[in-house]
Amino acid sequence: MGLLASMHGRLVYVDAAPFIYFMEKNPAYERPLDAFFLSMSRGEIQVITSAMTLAEVLVKPYRQKLWSLAQKYELIFEGTPELTLMPVDSEVGRLVAELRASYALLTPDAIHMATAVVHGAEFFLTNDSDFQKADPTDQRLPKLVFVDDLLPKIPK
């Protein structure tokens, strides 16, 4: 069973980078992310993310006045039933502090991870190597999956 198939029927937290790669058609990641988001749209994978993600993905469109791109982001975050935008509440806030103290994560990264933990995500899709600071034996944390892990493996 492939990595993407192992996510079927599971709750997956998606960090900002995969959304940016997908929406802006990054050629290095277009095929695996098209497959991931197609699985999401078919209801095979349930996806959550934090309100922090929306803040992160909108920076470039706002800075460069790319209003149509900003609208596309807002549409995917507000109009996709298989994607739930989770708030940053006090439970998430307390865990953010703990994760920052334990693993020296930056605040935005700690918000992402805390949101995933609080809401029971089993996988955490990212391409940010800073998440490797977290202890892989910490049973509370979801399995880290890097977008690079979704790329086809070329035999040597």
N, C-alpha and C. Protein backbone atom coordinates (compact mmCIF):
# COMPACT_ATOMS: atom_id res chain seq x y z
N MET A 1 0.85 -1.17 0.00
CA MET A 1 0.00 0.00 0.00
C MET A 1 0.90 1.23 0.00
N GLY A 2 0.58 2.18 -0.87
CA GLY A 2 1.36 3.40 -0.94
C GLY A 2 1.00 4.37 0.18
N LEU A 3 1.83 5.37 0.33
CA LEU A 3 1.64 6.35 1.40
C LEU A 3 0.30 7.06 1.28
N LEU A 4 -0.06 7.50 0.07
CA LEU A 4 -1.33 8.18 -0.12
C LEU A 4 -2.49 7.25 0.24
N ALA A 5 -2.43 6.01 -0.19
CA ALA A 5 -3.49 5.05 0.12
C ALA A 5 -3.60 4.83 1.63
N SER A 6 -2.48 4.90 2.35
CA SER A 6 -2.52 4.70 3.80
C SER A 6 -3.26 5.84 4.51
N MET A 7 -3.43 6.96 3.83
CA MET A 7 -4.15 8.09 4.42
C MET A 7 -5.66 7.99 4.21
N HIS A 8 -6.10 7.10 3.33
CA HIS A 8 -7.53 6.96 3.06
C HIS A 8 -8.27 6.57 4.33
N GLY A 9 -9.37 7.26 4.56
CA GLY A 9 -10.18 7.01 5.75
C GLY A 9 -9.60 7.61 7.01
N ARG A 10 -8.56 8.40 6.88
CA ARG A 10 -7.88 9.00 8.03
C ARG A 10 -8.03 10.51 8.03
N LEU A 11 -7.78 11.10 9.19
CA LEU A 11 -7.79 12.54 9.32
C LEU A 11 -6.37 13.06 9.11
N VAL A 12 -6.21 13.96 8.14
CA VAL A 12 -4.90 14.48 7.77
C VAL A 12 -4.88 15.99 7.99
N TYR A 13 -3.89 16.46 8.73
CA TYR A 13 -3.67 17.89 8.87
C TYR A 13 -2.75 18.32 7.75
N VAL A 14 -3.09 19.42 7.07
CA VAL A 14 -2.26 19.92 5.98
C VAL A 14 -1.74 21.31 6.35
N ASP A 15 -0.43 21.44 6.33
CA ASP A 15 0.29 22.68 6.60
C ASP A 15 0.14 23.62 5.39
N ALA A 16 0.62 24.83 5.50
CA ALA A 16 0.45 25.83 4.44
C ALA A 16 1.16 25.47 3.13
N ALA A 17 2.38 24.95 3.21
CA ALA A 17 3.17 24.72 1.99
C ALA A 17 2.46 23.84 0.96
N PRO A 18 1.86 22.70 1.35
CA PRO A 18 1.19 21.89 0.33
C PRO A 18 0.05 22.65 -0.38
N PHE A 19 -0.68 23.49 0.36
CA PHE A 19 -1.72 24.29 -0.29
C PHE A 19 -1.12 25.26 -1.30
N ILE A 20 -0.02 25.89 -0.92
CA ILE A 20 0.64 26.84 -1.81
C ILE A 20 1.15 26.13 -3.06
N TYR A 21 1.82 25.00 -2.88
CA TYR A 21 2.32 24.24 -4.03
C TYR A 21 1.17 23.84 -4.95
N PHE A 22 0.07 23.40 -4.37
CA PHE A 22 -1.08 22.94 -5.16
C PHE A 22 -1.75 24.09 -5.89
N MET A 23 -2.05 25.16 -5.19
CA MET A 23 -2.78 26.28 -5.78
C MET A 23 -1.95 27.03 -6.81
N GLU A 24 -0.65 27.10 -6.59
CA GLU A 24 0.22 27.85 -7.49
C GLU A 24 0.91 26.92 -8.50
N LYS A 25 0.47 25.67 -8.54
CA LYS A 25 0.93 24.68 -9.53
C LYS A 25 2.45 24.56 -9.59
N ASN A 26 3.06 24.34 -8.42
CA ASN A 26 4.49 24.10 -8.36
C ASN A 26 4.80 22.84 -9.15
N PRO A 27 5.59 22.93 -10.22
CA PRO A 27 5.80 21.77 -11.10
C PRO A 27 6.45 20.59 -10.41
N ALA A 28 7.25 20.82 -9.38
CA ALA A 28 7.91 19.71 -8.68
C ALA A 28 6.91 18.85 -7.92
N TYR A 29 5.80 19.44 -7.52
CA TYR A 29 4.86 18.73 -6.65
C TYR A 29 3.45 18.61 -7.23
N GLU A 30 3.26 19.04 -8.46
CA GLU A 30 1.92 19.09 -9.03
C GLU A 30 1.25 17.71 -9.07
N ARG A 31 1.92 16.71 -9.56
CA ARG A 31 1.28 15.38 -9.70
C ARG A 31 0.90 14.77 -8.34
N PRO A 32 1.83 14.70 -7.37
CA PRO A 32 1.42 14.07 -6.11
C PRO A 32 0.36 14.87 -5.35
N LEU A 33 0.42 16.19 -5.44
CA LEU A 33 -0.59 16.98 -4.73
C LEU A 33 -1.92 16.97 -5.46
N ASP A 34 -1.91 16.90 -6.79
CA ASP A 34 -3.17 16.71 -7.52
C ASP A 34 -3.83 15.41 -7.05
N ALA A 35 -3.05 14.36 -6.89
CA ALA A 35 -3.59 13.07 -6.44
C ALA A 35 -4.11 13.18 -5.00
N PHE A 36 -3.36 13.86 -4.14
CA PHE A 36 -3.78 14.01 -2.75
C PHE A 36 -5.11 14.78 -2.67
N PHE A 37 -5.18 15.93 -3.34
CA PHE A 37 -6.38 16.76 -3.25
C PHE A 37 -7.56 16.14 -4.01
N LEU A 38 -7.28 15.32 -5.02
CA LEU A 38 -8.36 14.56 -5.66
C LEU A 38 -8.94 13.55 -4.67
N SER A 39 -8.07 12.87 -3.94
CA SER A 39 -8.53 11.93 -2.91
C SER A 39 -9.36 12.67 -1.86
N MET A 40 -8.93 13.88 -1.50
CA MET A 40 -9.70 14.68 -0.55
C MET A 40 -11.07 15.00 -1.12
N SER A 41 -11.11 15.46 -2.37
CA SER A 41 -12.39 15.87 -2.97
C SER A 41 -13.35 14.70 -3.14
N ARG A 42 -12.81 13.50 -3.25
CA ARG A 42 -13.64 12.29 -3.35
C ARG A 42 -14.12 11.80 -1.98
N GLY A 43 -13.65 12.46 -0.92
CA GLY A 43 -14.02 12.05 0.43
C GLY A 43 -13.22 10.89 0.96
N GLU A 44 -12.13 10.52 0.27
CA GLU A 44 -11.30 9.40 0.70
C GLU A 44 -10.39 9.80 1.86
N ILE A 45 -10.10 11.09 1.94
CA ILE A 45 -9.25 11.64 2.99
C ILE A 45 -9.99 12.85 3.55
N GLN A 46 -10.08 12.93 4.88
CA GLN A 46 -10.66 14.10 5.52
C GLN A 46 -9.50 15.00 5.93
N VAL A 47 -9.56 16.27 5.56
CA VAL A 47 -8.46 17.20 5.78
C VAL A 47 -8.89 18.30 6.74
N ILE A 48 -7.98 18.60 7.67
CA ILE A 48 -8.15 19.78 8.52
C ILE A 48 -6.91 20.63 8.40
N THR A 49 -7.07 21.90 8.72
CA THR A 49 -5.96 22.82 8.82
C THR A 49 -6.36 23.92 9.78
N SER A 50 -5.42 24.75 10.13
CA SER A 50 -5.67 25.83 11.09
C SER A 50 -6.00 27.13 10.36
N ALA A 51 -6.69 28.00 11.07
CA ALA A 51 -6.91 29.35 10.55
C ALA A 51 -5.56 30.02 10.25
N MET A 52 -4.50 29.59 10.94
CA MET A 52 -3.14 30.10 10.67
C MET A 52 -2.74 29.83 9.22
N THR A 53 -3.17 28.71 8.67
CA THR A 53 -2.84 28.37 7.28
C THR A 53 -3.42 29.41 6.33
N LEU A 54 -4.66 29.79 6.55
CA LEU A 54 -5.27 30.82 5.70
C LEU A 54 -4.46 32.10 5.77
N ALA A 55 -4.04 32.49 6.96
CA ALA A 55 -3.22 33.70 7.10
C ALA A 55 -1.92 33.58 6.32
N GLU A 56 -1.31 32.40 6.35
CA GLU A 56 -0.03 32.21 5.67
C GLU A 56 -0.17 32.20 4.15
N VAL A 57 -1.19 31.53 3.63
CA VAL A 57 -1.30 31.42 2.18
C VAL A 57 -1.74 32.72 1.53
N LEU A 58 -2.37 33.60 2.27
CA LEU A 58 -2.86 34.85 1.69
C LEU A 58 -1.80 35.96 1.63
N VAL A 59 -0.66 35.76 2.26
CA VAL A 59 0.37 36.82 2.28
C VAL A 59 0.82 37.19 0.87
N LYS A 60 1.23 36.23 0.07
CA LYS A 60 1.73 36.53 -1.28
C LYS A 60 0.65 37.18 -2.14
N PRO A 61 -0.56 36.61 -2.20
CA PRO A 61 -1.58 37.28 -3.02
C PRO A 61 -1.87 38.71 -2.57
N TYR A 62 -1.90 38.94 -1.26
CA TYR A 62 -2.15 40.30 -0.78
C TYR A 62 -0.97 41.22 -1.10
N ARG A 63 0.24 40.72 -0.87
CA ARG A 63 1.44 41.54 -1.10
C ARG A 63 1.56 41.93 -2.58
N GLN A 64 1.26 40.95 -3.48
CA GLN A 64 1.43 41.17 -4.91
C GLN A 64 0.13 41.58 -5.60
N LYS A 65 -0.90 41.83 -4.79
CA LYS A 65 -2.21 42.24 -5.31
C LYS A 65 -2.76 41.26 -6.35
N LEU A 66 -2.59 39.99 -6.04
CA LEU A 66 -3.10 38.91 -6.89
C LEU A 66 -4.46 38.49 -6.36
N TRP A 67 -5.45 39.34 -6.60
CA TRP A 67 -6.76 39.17 -5.98
C TRP A 67 -7.46 37.89 -6.42
N SER A 68 -7.24 37.47 -7.67
CA SER A 68 -7.89 36.23 -8.11
C SER A 68 -7.31 35.02 -7.39
N LEU A 69 -6.01 35.04 -7.12
CA LEU A 69 -5.40 33.95 -6.35
C LEU A 69 -5.92 33.97 -4.92
N ALA A 70 -6.03 35.15 -4.33
CA ALA A 70 -6.59 35.26 -2.97
C ALA A 70 -8.00 34.68 -2.93
N GLN A 71 -8.79 34.98 -3.95
CA GLN A 71 -10.16 34.44 -4.00
C GLN A 71 -10.16 32.93 -4.12
N LYS A 72 -9.22 32.38 -4.90
CA LYS A 72 -9.14 30.93 -5.05
C LYS A 72 -8.80 30.27 -3.71
N TYR A 73 -7.87 30.88 -2.97
CA TYR A 73 -7.54 30.34 -1.65
C TYR A 73 -8.77 30.40 -0.74
N GLU A 74 -9.44 31.53 -0.72
CA GLU A 74 -10.61 31.65 0.15
C GLU A 74 -11.69 30.66 -0.24
N LEU A 75 -11.84 30.41 -1.52
CA LEU A 75 -12.83 29.46 -1.98
C LEU A 75 -12.52 28.05 -1.51
N ILE A 76 -11.25 27.63 -1.63
CA ILE A 76 -10.91 26.28 -1.19
C ILE A 76 -11.06 26.15 0.33
N PHE A 77 -10.71 27.19 1.08
CA PHE A 77 -10.78 27.10 2.54
C PHE A 77 -12.21 27.25 3.06
N GLU A 78 -13.03 27.98 2.37
CA GLU A 78 -14.40 28.23 2.85
C GLU A 78 -15.43 27.37 2.15
N GLY A 79 -15.11 26.83 0.97
CA GLY A 79 -16.13 26.15 0.19
C GLY A 79 -15.87 24.70 -0.13
N THR A 80 -14.99 24.05 0.61
CA THR A 80 -14.67 22.65 0.36
C THR A 80 -15.14 21.82 1.55
N PRO A 81 -16.19 21.02 1.37
CA PRO A 81 -16.74 20.27 2.51
C PRO A 81 -15.74 19.29 3.14
N GLU A 82 -14.80 18.79 2.35
CA GLU A 82 -13.84 17.80 2.87
C GLU A 82 -12.66 18.46 3.59
N LEU A 83 -12.67 19.77 3.66
CA LEU A 83 -11.61 20.54 4.33
C LEU A 83 -12.23 21.38 5.43
N THR A 84 -11.74 21.20 6.64
CA THR A 84 -12.26 21.97 7.77
C THR A 84 -11.17 22.88 8.30
N LEU A 85 -11.50 24.15 8.39
CA LEU A 85 -10.61 25.17 8.94
C LEU A 85 -10.85 25.24 10.44
N MET A 86 -9.84 24.89 11.23
CA MET A 86 -9.98 24.81 12.68
C MET A 86 -9.52 26.11 13.34
N PRO A 87 -10.25 26.55 14.37
CA PRO A 87 -9.86 27.78 15.06
C PRO A 87 -8.67 27.53 16.01
N VAL A 88 -8.01 28.61 16.36
CA VAL A 88 -6.97 28.56 17.38
C VAL A 88 -7.64 28.99 18.68
N ASP A 89 -7.93 27.99 19.53
CA ASP A 89 -8.63 28.28 20.79
C ASP A 89 -7.67 28.11 21.97
N SER A 90 -8.18 28.19 23.18
CA SER A 90 -7.31 28.14 24.36
C SER A 90 -6.64 26.77 24.52
N GLU A 91 -7.31 25.69 24.16
CA GLU A 91 -6.69 24.36 24.24
C GLU A 91 -5.49 24.28 23.30
N VAL A 92 -5.68 24.78 22.08
CA VAL A 92 -4.58 24.82 21.12
C VAL A 92 -3.48 25.73 21.66
N GLY A 93 -3.85 26.88 22.21
CA GLY A 93 -2.87 27.83 22.73
C GLY A 93 -1.98 27.25 23.80
N ARG A 94 -2.56 26.49 24.73
CA ARG A 94 -1.75 25.87 25.79
C ARG A 94 -0.78 24.85 25.21
N LEU A 95 -1.25 24.07 24.25
CA LEU A 95 -0.37 23.08 23.63
C LEU A 95 0.71 23.75 22.79
N VAL A 96 0.40 24.87 22.17
CA VAL A 96 1.41 25.64 21.42
C VAL A 96 2.58 25.98 22.36
N ALA A 97 2.25 26.48 23.54
CA ALA A 97 3.30 26.84 24.49
C ALA A 97 4.15 25.62 24.87
N GLU A 98 3.48 24.49 25.10
CA GLU A 98 4.21 23.27 25.46
C GLU A 98 5.12 22.81 24.33
N LEU A 99 4.61 22.82 23.10
CA LEU A 99 5.41 22.39 21.95
C LEU A 99 6.58 23.33 21.70
N ARG A 100 6.36 24.61 21.88
CA ARG A 100 7.47 25.57 21.72
C ARG A 100 8.53 25.33 22.78
N ALA A 101 8.09 25.11 24.02
CA ALA A 101 9.03 24.89 25.11
C ALA A 101 9.79 23.57 24.94
N SER A 102 9.10 22.53 24.51
CA SER A 102 9.71 21.20 24.39
C SER A 102 10.59 21.03 23.16
N TYR A 103 10.15 21.60 22.03
CA TYR A 103 10.80 21.30 20.76
C TYR A 103 11.35 22.52 20.03
N ALA A 104 11.25 23.69 20.63
CA ALA A 104 11.76 24.93 20.02
C ALA A 104 11.13 25.21 18.64
N LEU A 105 9.87 24.81 18.49
CA LEU A 105 9.17 25.13 17.24
C LEU A 105 8.85 26.62 17.21
N LEU A 106 8.86 27.19 16.02
CA LEU A 106 8.40 28.57 15.86
C LEU A 106 6.90 28.61 16.15
N THR A 107 6.41 29.76 16.56
CA THR A 107 5.00 29.86 16.93
C THR A 107 4.06 29.38 15.83
N PRO A 108 4.20 29.82 14.57
CA PRO A 108 3.27 29.32 13.55
C PRO A 108 3.32 27.79 13.41
N ASP A 109 4.52 27.22 13.47
CA ASP A 109 4.64 25.77 13.35
C ASP A 109 4.00 25.07 14.55
N ALA A 110 4.20 25.63 15.73
CA ALA A 110 3.59 25.06 16.93
C ALA A 110 2.07 25.15 16.86
N ILE A 111 1.54 26.22 16.28
CA ILE A 111 0.09 26.35 16.10
C ILE A 111 -0.41 25.24 15.18
N HIS A 112 0.29 25.01 14.09
CA HIS A 112 -0.10 23.94 13.17
C HIS A 112 -0.11 22.59 13.88
N MET A 113 0.99 22.27 14.55
CA MET A 113 1.09 20.96 15.19
C MET A 113 0.07 20.82 16.32
N ALA A 114 -0.10 21.85 17.13
CA ALA A 114 -1.05 21.78 18.23
C ALA A 114 -2.48 21.59 17.71
N THR A 115 -2.81 22.27 16.63
CA THR A 115 -4.15 22.12 16.04
C THR A 115 -4.35 20.68 15.58
N ALA A 116 -3.33 20.12 14.95
CA ALA A 116 -3.41 18.72 14.50
C ALA A 116 -3.62 17.78 15.68
N VAL A 117 -2.87 17.99 16.75
CA VAL A 117 -2.95 17.12 17.92
C VAL A 117 -4.32 17.24 18.59
N VAL A 118 -4.75 18.46 18.85
CA VAL A 118 -6.02 18.69 19.55
C VAL A 118 -7.19 18.07 18.80
N HIS A 119 -7.14 18.09 17.47
CA HIS A 119 -8.26 17.61 16.67
C HIS A 119 -8.09 16.17 16.18
N GLY A 120 -7.03 15.50 16.63
CA GLY A 120 -6.88 14.07 16.39
C GLY A 120 -6.39 13.66 15.02
N ALA A 121 -5.63 14.51 14.36
CA ALA A 121 -5.08 14.13 13.05
C ALA A 121 -4.10 12.97 13.21
N GLU A 122 -4.15 12.04 12.27
CA GLU A 122 -3.23 10.90 12.29
C GLU A 122 -2.00 11.15 11.43
N PHE A 123 -2.15 12.02 10.43
CA PHE A 123 -1.04 12.38 9.54
C PHE A 123 -0.91 13.90 9.52
N PHE A 124 0.30 14.36 9.24
CA PHE A 124 0.59 15.79 9.18
C PHE A 124 1.39 16.02 7.89
N LEU A 125 0.73 16.58 6.87
CA LEU A 125 1.37 16.80 5.57
C LEU A 125 2.01 18.18 5.53
N THR A 126 3.30 18.21 5.27
CA THR A 126 4.08 19.44 5.27
C THR A 126 5.26 19.28 4.32
N ASN A 127 6.04 20.31 4.18
CA ASN A 127 7.34 20.20 3.55
C ASN A 127 8.36 21.01 4.34
N ASP A 128 8.01 21.29 5.59
CA ASP A 128 8.83 22.12 6.47
C ASP A 128 9.66 21.22 7.37
N SER A 129 10.96 21.19 7.15
CA SER A 129 11.85 20.30 7.91
C SER A 129 11.94 20.69 9.38
N ASP A 130 11.51 21.89 9.76
CA ASP A 130 11.54 22.29 11.17
C ASP A 130 10.71 21.36 12.05
N PHE A 131 9.70 20.72 11.46
CA PHE A 131 8.87 19.81 12.25
C PHE A 131 9.64 18.59 12.71
N GLN A 132 10.81 18.34 12.12
CA GLN A 132 11.63 17.21 12.54
C GLN A 132 12.25 17.45 13.92
N LYS A 133 12.15 18.68 14.43
CA LYS A 133 12.63 18.97 15.78
C LYS A 133 11.80 18.23 16.83
N ALA A 134 10.55 17.96 16.49
CA ALA A 134 9.66 17.28 17.44
C ALA A 134 10.11 15.84 17.63
N ASP A 135 9.94 15.34 18.82
CA ASP A 135 10.34 13.98 19.18
C ASP A 135 9.46 12.97 18.47
N PRO A 136 10.03 12.14 17.58
CA PRO A 136 9.21 11.17 16.85
C PRO A 136 8.58 10.10 17.76
N THR A 137 9.06 9.99 19.00
CA THR A 137 8.46 9.02 19.92
C THR A 137 7.31 9.61 20.73
N ASP A 138 7.04 10.90 20.55
CA ASP A 138 5.92 11.55 21.24
C ASP A 138 4.63 11.01 20.62
N GLN A 139 3.95 10.14 21.34
CA GLN A 139 2.77 9.44 20.82
C GLN A 139 1.60 10.35 20.51
N ARG A 140 1.61 11.56 21.05
CA ARG A 140 0.51 12.49 20.77
C ARG A 140 0.57 13.03 19.35
N LEU A 141 1.76 13.08 18.78
CA LEU A 141 1.96 13.75 17.50
C LEU A 141 1.58 12.87 16.32
N PRO A 142 0.97 13.47 15.30
CA PRO A 142 0.64 12.69 14.10
C PRO A 142 1.90 12.32 13.33
N LYS A 143 1.76 11.34 12.45
CA LYS A 143 2.88 10.92 11.60
C LYS A 143 3.20 12.04 10.61
N LEU A 144 4.46 12.46 10.61
CA LEU A 144 4.90 13.48 9.66
C LEU A 144 5.03 12.88 8.27
N VAL A 145 4.44 13.56 7.30
CA VAL A 145 4.56 13.17 5.90
C VAL A 145 5.01 14.41 5.14
N PHE A 146 6.13 14.30 4.47
CA PHE A 146 6.63 15.41 3.68
C PHE A 146 6.13 15.25 2.25
N VAL A 147 5.84 16.37 1.62
CA VAL A 147 5.36 16.33 0.23
C VAL A 147 6.35 15.54 -0.61
N ASP A 148 7.62 15.69 -0.32
CA ASP A 148 8.64 14.93 -1.05
C ASP A 148 8.41 13.42 -0.93
N ASP A 149 7.83 12.97 0.19
CA ASP A 149 7.56 11.55 0.38
C ASP A 149 6.50 11.03 -0.59
N LEU A 150 5.68 11.93 -1.13
CA LEU A 150 4.63 11.54 -2.07
C LEU A 150 5.13 11.42 -3.51
N LEU A 151 6.35 11.90 -3.75
CA LEU A 151 6.93 11.81 -5.09
C LEU A 151 7.24 10.37 -5.43
N PRO A 152 7.09 9.99 -6.70
CA PRO A 152 7.43 8.61 -7.08
C PRO A 152 8.91 8.35 -6.82
N LYS A 153 9.18 7.17 -6.31
CA LYS A 153 10.57 6.77 -6.05
C LYS A 153 11.17 6.22 -7.33
N ILE A 154 12.34 6.73 -7.67
CA ILE A 154 13.04 6.28 -8.88
C ILE A 154 14.05 5.23 -8.46
N PRO A 155 13.93 4.01 -9.00
CA PRO A 155 14.88 2.95 -8.62
C PRO A 155 16.29 3.31 -9.05
N LYS A 156 17.24 2.91 -8.21
CA LYS A 156 18.65 3.20 -8.51
C LYS A 156 19.25 2.12 -9.34
